[in-house]
Amino acid sequence: MSDGIGRLVRANPVADLSDDLPRNRPPEIEPLERDELTAFLAEATKRLDPADYLRTFVLARTGMRVGEATGLRVGDVIESRRI
């Protein structure tokens, strides 16, 4: 088997690599301050059509991800009067 399948690896091939290699860490999230969010939404009302503004407002005020907000249904909001 010259392709290496079925061979036993007797040692960790990366054991000698340096511990100070760069890591792929996600950037830290810096949420908007209340006044920044207020200014952002005020500007959004001027630039977006009502449906897009509503989507933006829900995402910004709840912290939901797009997929979570996409899963919302009218009953999720109307019945409890909350999201």
PDB file of N, CA and C in Angstrom:
ATOM      1  N   MET A   1       0.829  -1.184   0.000  1.00  0.00           N
ATOM      2  CA  MET A   1       0.000   0.000   0.000  1.00  0.00           C
ATOM      3  C   MET A   1       0.870   1.242   0.000  1.00  0.00           C
ATOM      4  N   SER A   2       1.180   1.726  -1.148  1.00  0.00           N
ATOM      5  CA  SER A   2       2.086   2.871  -1.260  1.00  0.00           C
ATOM      6  C   SER A   2       1.387   4.206  -1.022  1.00  0.00           C
ATOM      7  N   ASP A   3       0.052   4.205  -0.960  1.00  0.00           N
ATOM      8  CA  ASP A   3      -0.652   5.471  -0.753  1.00  0.00           C
ATOM      9  C   ASP A   3      -0.759   5.861   0.720  1.00  0.00           C
ATOM     10  N   GLY A   4      -0.248   5.057   1.631  1.00  0.00           N
ATOM     11  CA  GLY A   4      -0.239   5.397   3.039  1.00  0.00           C
ATOM     12  C   GLY A   4      -1.452   4.914   3.808  1.00  0.00           C
ATOM     13  N   ILE A   5      -2.439   4.419   3.112  1.00  0.00           N
ATOM     14  CA  ILE A   5      -3.625   3.918   3.804  1.00  0.00           C
ATOM     15  C   ILE A   5      -3.256   2.642   4.546  1.00  0.00           C
ATOM     16  N   GLY A   6      -3.656   2.554   5.785  1.00  0.00           N
ATOM     17  CA  GLY A   6      -3.394   1.376   6.584  1.00  0.00           C
ATOM     18  C   GLY A   6      -2.075   1.436   7.339  1.00  0.00           C
ATOM     19  N   ARG A   7      -1.301   2.494   7.163  1.00  0.00           N
ATOM     20  CA  ARG A   7      -0.034   2.615   7.893  1.00  0.00           C
ATOM     21  C   ARG A   7      -0.278   3.257   9.244  1.00  0.00           C
ATOM     22  N   LEU A   8       0.444   2.838  10.236  1.00  0.00           N
ATOM     23  CA  LEU A   8       0.335   3.363  11.583  1.00  0.00           C
ATOM     24  C   LEU A   8       1.220   4.601  11.734  1.00  0.00           C
ATOM     25  N   VAL A   9       0.668   5.653  12.286  1.00  0.00           N
ATOM     26  CA  VAL A   9       1.446   6.850  12.574  1.00  0.00           C
ATOM     27  C   VAL A   9       2.018   6.661  13.970  1.00  0.00           C
ATOM     28  N   ARG A  10       3.324   6.599  14.067  1.00  0.00           N
ATOM     29  CA  ARG A  10       3.977   6.271  15.338  1.00  0.00           C
ATOM     30  C   ARG A  10       4.292   7.498  16.197  1.00  0.00           C
ATOM     31  N   ALA A  11       4.253   8.675  15.621  1.00  0.00           N
ATOM     32  CA  ALA A  11       4.533   9.895  16.381  1.00  0.00           C
ATOM     33  C   ALA A  11       3.687  11.024  15.821  1.00  0.00           C
ATOM     34  N   ASN A  12       3.466  12.011  16.638  1.00  0.00           N
ATOM     35  CA  ASN A  12       2.700  13.181  16.218  1.00  0.00           C
ATOM     36  C   ASN A  12       3.559  13.999  15.251  1.00  0.00           C
ATOM     37  N   PRO A  13       3.149  14.129  13.988  1.00  0.00           N
ATOM     38  CA  PRO A  13       3.975  14.826  13.000  1.00  0.00           C
ATOM     39  C   PRO A  13       4.111  16.327  13.242  1.00  0.00           C
ATOM     40  N   VAL A  14       3.301  16.912  14.080  1.00  0.00           N
ATOM     41  CA  VAL A  14       3.387  18.345  14.338  1.00  0.00           C
ATOM     42  C   VAL A  14       3.854  18.655  15.764  1.00  0.00           C
ATOM     43  N   ALA A  15       4.352  17.658  16.455  1.00  0.00           N
ATOM     44  CA  ALA A  15       4.746  17.836  17.857  1.00  0.00           C
ATOM     45  C   ALA A  15       5.842  18.876  18.033  1.00  0.00           C
ATOM     46  N   ASP A  16       6.731  19.040  17.065  1.00  0.00           N
ATOM     47  CA  ASP A  16       7.853  19.968  17.211  1.00  0.00           C
ATOM     48  C   ASP A  16       7.553  21.387  16.732  1.00  0.00           C
ATOM     49  N   LEU A  17       6.345  21.641  16.284  1.00  0.00           N
ATOM     50  CA  LEU A  17       6.004  22.997  15.843  1.00  0.00           C
ATOM     51  C   LEU A  17       5.935  23.937  17.031  1.00  0.00           C
ATOM     52  N   SER A  18       6.230  25.157  16.777  1.00  0.00           N
ATOM     53  CA  SER A  18       6.265  26.169  17.823  1.00  0.00           C
ATOM     54  C   SER A  18       4.860  26.452  18.357  1.00  0.00           C
ATOM     55  N   ASP A  19       4.782  26.744  19.647  1.00  0.00           N
ATOM     56  CA  ASP A  19       3.507  27.107  20.256  1.00  0.00           C
ATOM     57  C   ASP A  19       3.102  28.541  19.945  1.00  0.00           C
ATOM     58  N   ASP A  20       4.017  29.337  19.399  1.00  0.00           N
ATOM     59  CA  ASP A  20       3.690  30.728  19.148  1.00  0.00           C
ATOM     60  C   ASP A  20       3.220  30.989  17.717  1.00  0.00           C
ATOM     61  N   LEU A  21       2.681  29.966  17.082  1.00  0.00           N
ATOM     62  CA  LEU A  21       2.123  30.148  15.743  1.00  0.00           C
ATOM     63  C   LEU A  21       0.868  31.009  15.830  1.00  0.00           C
ATOM     64  N   PRO A  22       0.582  31.773  14.787  1.00  0.00           N
ATOM     65  CA  PRO A  22      -0.631  32.598  14.822  1.00  0.00           C
ATOM     66  C   PRO A  22      -1.881  31.713  14.886  1.00  0.00           C
ATOM     67  N   ARG A  23      -2.839  32.150  15.616  1.00  0.00           N
ATOM     68  CA  ARG A  23      -4.095  31.417  15.769  1.00  0.00           C
ATOM     69  C   ARG A  23      -5.177  32.145  14.976  1.00  0.00           C
ATOM     70  N   ASN A  24      -6.098  31.380  14.474  1.00  0.00           N
ATOM     71  CA  ASN A  24      -7.250  31.960  13.784  1.00  0.00           C
ATOM     72  C   ASN A  24      -8.341  32.206  14.810  1.00  0.00           C
ATOM     73  N   ARG A  25      -8.255  33.340  15.461  1.00  0.00           N
ATOM     74  CA  ARG A  25      -9.243  33.699  16.468  1.00  0.00           C
ATOM     75  C   ARG A  25     -10.227  34.681  15.848  1.00  0.00           C
ATOM     76  N   PRO A  26     -11.493  34.490  16.151  1.00  0.00           N
ATOM     77  CA  PRO A  26     -12.469  35.458  15.631  1.00  0.00           C
ATOM     78  C   PRO A  26     -12.246  36.819  16.280  1.00  0.00           C
ATOM     79  N   PRO A  27     -12.522  37.874  15.540  1.00  0.00           N
ATOM     80  CA  PRO A  27     -12.342  39.209  16.134  1.00  0.00           C
ATOM     81  C   PRO A  27     -13.329  39.411  17.285  1.00  0.00           C
ATOM     82  N   GLU A  28     -12.924  40.199  18.254  1.00  0.00           N
ATOM     83  CA  GLU A  28     -13.824  40.491  19.359  1.00  0.00           C
ATOM     84  C   GLU A  28     -14.980  41.342  18.866  1.00  0.00           C
ATOM     85  N   ILE A  29     -16.164  41.024  19.338  1.00  0.00           N
ATOM     86  CA  ILE A  29     -17.356  41.769  18.957  1.00  0.00           C
ATOM     87  C   ILE A  29     -17.456  42.997  19.858  1.00  0.00           C
ATOM     88  N   GLU A  30     -17.631  44.141  19.228  1.00  0.00           N
ATOM     89  CA  GLU A  30     -17.794  45.385  19.969  1.00  0.00           C
ATOM     90  C   GLU A  30     -19.192  45.932  19.684  1.00  0.00           C
ATOM     91  N   PRO A  31     -20.148  45.625  20.560  1.00  0.00           N
ATOM     92  CA  PRO A  31     -21.508  46.111  20.310  1.00  0.00           C
ATOM     93  C   PRO A  31     -21.582  47.624  20.349  1.00  0.00           C
ATOM     94  N   LEU A  32     -22.556  48.154  19.643  1.00  0.00           N
ATOM     95  CA  LEU A  32     -22.749  49.605  19.628  1.00  0.00           C
ATOM     96  C   LEU A  32     -23.222  50.083  20.992  1.00  0.00           C
ATOM     97  N   GLU A  33     -22.790  51.268  21.367  1.00  0.00           N
ATOM     98  CA  GLU A  33     -23.311  51.919  22.575  1.00  0.00           C
ATOM     99  C   GLU A  33     -24.732  52.388  22.271  1.00  0.00           C
ATOM    100  N   ARG A  34     -25.497  52.663  23.307  1.00  0.00           N
ATOM    101  CA  ARG A  34     -26.904  53.058  23.121  1.00  0.00           C
ATOM    102  C   ARG A  34     -27.037  54.255  22.178  1.00  0.00           C
ATOM    103  N   ASP A  35     -26.203  55.286  22.362  1.00  0.00           N
ATOM    104  CA  ASP A  35     -26.313  56.474  21.504  1.00  0.00           C
ATOM    105  C   ASP A  35     -25.896  56.169  20.068  1.00  0.00           C
ATOM    106  N   GLU A  36     -24.944  55.261  19.884  1.00  0.00           N
ATOM    107  CA  GLU A  36     -24.535  54.859  18.532  1.00  0.00           C
ATOM    108  C   GLU A  36     -25.665  54.108  17.837  1.00  0.00           C
ATOM    109  N   LEU A  37     -26.336  53.226  18.584  1.00  0.00           N
ATOM    110  CA  LEU A  37     -27.451  52.475  18.010  1.00  0.00           C
ATOM    111  C   LEU A  37     -28.594  53.409  17.645  1.00  0.00           C
ATOM    112  N   THR A  38     -28.867  54.370  18.511  1.00  0.00           N
ATOM    113  CA  THR A  38     -29.923  55.346  18.231  1.00  0.00           C
ATOM    114  C   THR A  38     -29.612  56.129  16.960  1.00  0.00           C
ATOM    115  N   ALA A  39     -28.375  56.574  16.810  1.00  0.00           N
ATOM    116  CA  ALA A  39     -27.969  57.314  15.606  1.00  0.00           C
ATOM    117  C   ALA A  39     -28.041  56.429  14.369  1.00  0.00           C
ATOM    118  N   PHE A  40     -27.616  55.180  14.511  1.00  0.00           N
ATOM    119  CA  PHE A  40     -27.661  54.235  13.387  1.00  0.00           C
ATOM    120  C   PHE A  40     -29.099  54.031  12.913  1.00  0.00           C
ATOM    121  N   LEU A  41     -30.009  53.790  13.855  1.00  0.00           N
ATOM    122  CA  LEU A  41     -31.402  53.550  13.480  1.00  0.00           C
ATOM    123  C   LEU A  41     -32.057  54.806  12.926  1.00  0.00           C
ATOM    124  N   ALA A  42     -31.676  55.975  13.432  1.00  0.00           N
ATOM    125  CA  ALA A  42     -32.214  57.231  12.898  1.00  0.00           C
ATOM    126  C   ALA A  42     -31.805  57.408  11.438  1.00  0.00           C
ATOM    127  N   GLU A  43     -30.568  57.084  11.151  1.00  0.00           N
ATOM    128  CA  GLU A  43     -30.087  57.184   9.761  1.00  0.00           C
ATOM    129  C   GLU A  43     -30.743  56.118   8.887  1.00  0.00           C
ATOM    130  N   ALA A  44     -30.965  54.947   9.459  1.00  0.00           N
ATOM    131  CA  ALA A  44     -31.592  53.860   8.698  1.00  0.00           C
ATOM    132  C   ALA A  44     -33.009  54.217   8.276  1.00  0.00           C
ATOM    133  N   THR A  45     -33.725  54.974   9.109  1.00  0.00           N
ATOM    134  CA  THR A  45     -35.088  55.373   8.731  1.00  0.00           C
ATOM    135  C   THR A  45     -35.083  56.257   7.488  1.00  0.00           C
ATOM    136  N   LYS A  46     -34.012  57.002   7.282  1.00  0.00           N
ATOM    137  CA  LYS A  46     -33.917  57.881   6.117  1.00  0.00           C
ATOM    138  C   LYS A  46     -33.522  57.123   4.849  1.00  0.00           C
ATOM    139  N   ARG A  47     -32.754  56.054   5.018  1.00  0.00           N
ATOM    140  CA  ARG A  47     -32.155  55.399   3.852  1.00  0.00           C
ATOM    141  C   ARG A  47     -32.831  54.103   3.415  1.00  0.00           C
ATOM    142  N   LEU A  48     -33.588  53.487   4.307  1.00  0.00           N
ATOM    143  CA  LEU A  48     -34.167  52.179   3.998  1.00  0.00           C
ATOM    144  C   LEU A  48     -35.664  52.279   3.792  1.00  0.00           C
ATOM    145  N   ASP A  49     -36.186  51.366   2.969  1.00  0.00           N
ATOM    146  CA  ASP A  49     -37.638  51.298   2.845  1.00  0.00           C
ATOM    147  C   ASP A  49     -38.181  50.691   4.139  1.00  0.00           C
ATOM    148  N   PRO A  50     -39.476  50.847   4.422  1.00  0.00           N
ATOM    149  CA  PRO A  50     -40.021  50.411   5.710  1.00  0.00           C
ATOM    150  C   PRO A  50     -39.766  48.938   6.054  1.00  0.00           C
ATOM    151  N   ALA A  51     -39.869  48.043   5.092  1.00  0.00           N
ATOM    152  CA  ALA A  51     -39.652  46.616   5.375  1.00  0.00           C
ATOM    153  C   ALA A  51     -38.202  46.349   5.770  1.00  0.00           C
ATOM    154  N   ASP A  52     -37.252  46.956   5.049  1.00  0.00           N
ATOM    155  CA  ASP A  52     -35.840  46.772   5.387  1.00  0.00           C
ATOM    156  C   ASP A  52     -35.503  47.425   6.724  1.00  0.00           C
ATOM    157  N   TYR A  53     -36.134  48.573   6.997  1.00  0.00           N
ATOM    158  CA  TYR A  53     -35.906  49.215   8.290  1.00  0.00           C
ATOM    159  C   TYR A  53     -36.395  48.321   9.422  1.00  0.00           C
ATOM    160  N   LEU A  54     -37.568  47.732   9.257  1.00  0.00           N
ATOM    161  CA  LEU A  54     -38.111  46.862  10.299  1.00  0.00           C
ATOM    162  C   LEU A  54     -37.176  45.683  10.565  1.00  0.00           C
ATOM    163  N   ARG A  55     -36.664  45.083   9.494  1.00  0.00           N
ATOM    164  CA  ARG A  55     -35.707  43.973   9.670  1.00  0.00           C
ATOM    165  C   ARG A  55     -34.464  44.446  10.418  1.00  0.00           C
ATOM    166  N   THR A  56     -33.947  45.595  10.017  1.00  0.00           N
ATOM    167  CA  THR A  56     -32.755  46.159  10.653  1.00  0.00           C
ATOM    168  C   THR A  56     -33.020  46.471  12.116  1.00  0.00           C
ATOM    169  N   PHE A  57     -34.176  47.042  12.398  1.00  0.00           N
ATOM    170  CA  PHE A  57     -34.546  47.396  13.763  1.00  0.00           C
ATOM    171  C   PHE A  57     -34.604  46.152  14.647  1.00  0.00           C
ATOM    172  N   VAL A  58     -35.269  45.108  14.164  1.00  0.00           N
ATOM    173  CA  VAL A  58     -35.395  43.874  14.954  1.00  0.00           C
ATOM    174  C   VAL A  58     -34.026  43.264  15.227  1.00  0.00           C
ATOM    175  N   LEU A  59     -33.184  43.193  14.212  1.00  0.00           N
ATOM    176  CA  LEU A  59     -31.846  42.633  14.407  1.00  0.00           C
ATOM    177  C   LEU A  59     -31.031  43.478  15.384  1.00  0.00           C
ATOM    178  N   ALA A  60     -31.088  44.788  15.227  1.00  0.00           N
ATOM    179  CA  ALA A  60     -30.274  45.678  16.056  1.00  0.00           C
ATOM    180  C   ALA A  60     -30.746  45.696  17.507  1.00  0.00           C
ATOM    181  N   ARG A  61     -32.039  45.705  17.721  1.00  0.00           N
ATOM    182  CA  ARG A  61     -32.553  45.833  19.084  1.00  0.00           C
ATOM    183  C   ARG A  61     -32.584  44.515  19.852  1.00  0.00           C
ATOM    184  N   THR A  62     -32.645  43.390  19.146  1.00  0.00           N
ATOM    185  CA  THR A  62     -32.729  42.109  19.842  1.00  0.00           C
ATOM    186  C   THR A  62     -31.399  41.375  19.906  1.00  0.00           C
ATOM    187  N   GLY A  63     -30.482  41.695  18.994  1.00  0.00           N
ATOM    188  CA  GLY A  63     -29.226  40.954  18.936  1.00  0.00           C
ATOM    189  C   GLY A  63     -29.362  39.621  18.227  1.00  0.00           C
ATOM    190  N   MET A  64     -30.511  39.391  17.612  1.00  0.00           N
ATOM    191  CA  MET A  64     -30.708  38.138  16.879  1.00  0.00           C
ATOM    192  C   MET A  64     -29.791  38.079  15.677  1.00  0.00           C
ATOM    193  N   ARG A  65     -29.477  36.862  15.277  1.00  0.00           N
ATOM    194  CA  ARG A  65     -28.778  36.652  14.012  1.00  0.00           C
ATOM    195  C   ARG A  65     -29.827  36.611  12.913  1.00  0.00           C
ATOM    196  N   VAL A  66     -29.382  36.758  11.672  1.00  0.00           N
ATOM    197  CA  VAL A  66     -30.306  36.787  10.539  1.00  0.00           C
ATOM    198  C   VAL A  66     -31.140  35.512  10.493  1.00  0.00           C
ATOM    199  N   GLY A  67     -30.511  34.362  10.701  1.00  0.00           N
ATOM    200  CA  GLY A  67     -31.238  33.093  10.664  1.00  0.00           C
ATOM    201  C   GLY A  67     -32.311  32.996  11.731  1.00  0.00           C
ATOM    202  N   GLU A  68     -32.020  33.532  12.911  1.00  0.00           N
ATOM    203  CA  GLU A  68     -33.006  33.516  13.990  1.00  0.00           C
ATOM    204  C   GLU A  68     -34.189  34.416  13.646  1.00  0.00           C
ATOM    205  N   ALA A  69     -33.902  35.597  13.139  1.00  0.00           N
ATOM    206  CA  ALA A  69     -34.965  36.528  12.786  1.00  0.00           C
ATOM    207  C   ALA A  69     -35.785  35.990  11.610  1.00  0.00           C
ATOM    208  N   THR A  70     -35.128  35.301  10.688  1.00  0.00           N
ATOM    209  CA  THR A  70     -35.834  34.727   9.544  1.00  0.00           C
ATOM    210  C   THR A  70     -36.854  33.702  10.008  1.00  0.00           C
ATOM    211  N   GLY A  71     -36.557  33.024  11.104  1.00  0.00           N
ATOM    212  CA  GLY A  71     -37.467  32.011  11.627  1.00  0.00           C
ATOM    213  C   GLY A  71     -38.658  32.574  12.376  1.00  0.00           C
ATOM    214  N   LEU A  72     -38.656  33.877  12.648  1.00  0.00           N
ATOM    215  CA  LEU A  72     -39.788  34.475  13.357  1.00  0.00           C
ATOM    216  C   LEU A  72     -41.051  34.424  12.511  1.00  0.00           C
ATOM    217  N   ARG A  73     -42.159  34.233  13.174  1.00  0.00           N
ATOM    218  CA  ARG A  73     -43.465  34.270  12.518  1.00  0.00           C
ATOM    219  C   ARG A  73     -44.310  35.326  13.217  1.00  0.00           C
ATOM    220  N   VAL A  74     -45.359  35.779  12.543  1.00  0.00           N
ATOM    221  CA  VAL A  74     -46.210  36.827  13.105  1.00  0.00           C
ATOM    222  C   VAL A  74     -46.687  36.435  14.496  1.00  0.00           C
ATOM    223  N   GLY A  75     -47.079  35.192  14.671  1.00  0.00           N
ATOM    224  CA  GLY A  75     -47.573  34.730  15.968  1.00  0.00           C
ATOM    225  C   GLY A  75     -46.530  34.810  17.065  1.00  0.00           C
ATOM    226  N   ASP A  76     -45.264  34.721  16.705  1.00  0.00           N
ATOM    227  CA  ASP A  76     -44.192  34.811  17.706  1.00  0.00           C
ATOM    228  C   ASP A  76     -44.169  36.186  18.346  1.00  0.00           C
ATOM    229  N   VAL A  77     -44.588  37.184  17.613  1.00  0.00           N
ATOM    230  CA  VAL A  77     -44.534  38.553  18.095  1.00  0.00           C
ATOM    231  C   VAL A  77     -45.904  39.011  18.596  1.00  0.00           C
ATOM    232  N   ILE A  78     -46.939  38.745  17.838  1.00  0.00           N
ATOM    233  CA  ILE A  78     -48.276  39.252  18.156  1.00  0.00           C
ATOM    234  C   ILE A  78     -48.818  38.672  19.452  1.00  0.00           C
ATOM    235  N   GLU A  79     -48.725  37.355  19.615  1.00  0.00           N
ATOM    236  CA  GLU A  79     -49.341  36.714  20.777  1.00  0.00           C
ATOM    237  C   GLU A  79     -48.747  37.185  22.099  1.00  0.00           C
ATOM    238  N   SER A  80     -47.444  37.329  22.157  1.00  0.00           N
ATOM    239  CA  SER A  80     -46.818  37.719  23.410  1.00  0.00           C
ATOM    240  C   SER A  80     -46.530  39.219  23.482  1.00  0.00           C
ATOM    241  N   ARG A  81     -46.710  39.894  22.357  1.00  0.00           N
ATOM    242  CA  ARG A  81     -46.370  41.319  22.228  1.00  0.00           C
ATOM    243  C   ARG A  81     -44.897  41.570  22.495  1.00  0.00           C
ATOM    244  N   ARG A  82     -44.113  40.512  22.390  1.00  0.00           N
ATOM    245  CA  ARG A  82     -42.660  40.598  22.560  1.00  0.00           C
ATOM    246  C   ARG A  82     -42.033  39.646  21.563  1.00  0.00           C
ATOM    247  N   ILE A  83     -40.777  39.834  21.324  1.00  0.00           N
ATOM    248  CA  ILE A  83     -40.054  38.905  20.452  1.00  0.00           C
ATOM    249  C   ILE A  83     -39.325  37.923  21.330  1.00  0.00           C
TER     250      ILE A  83
END
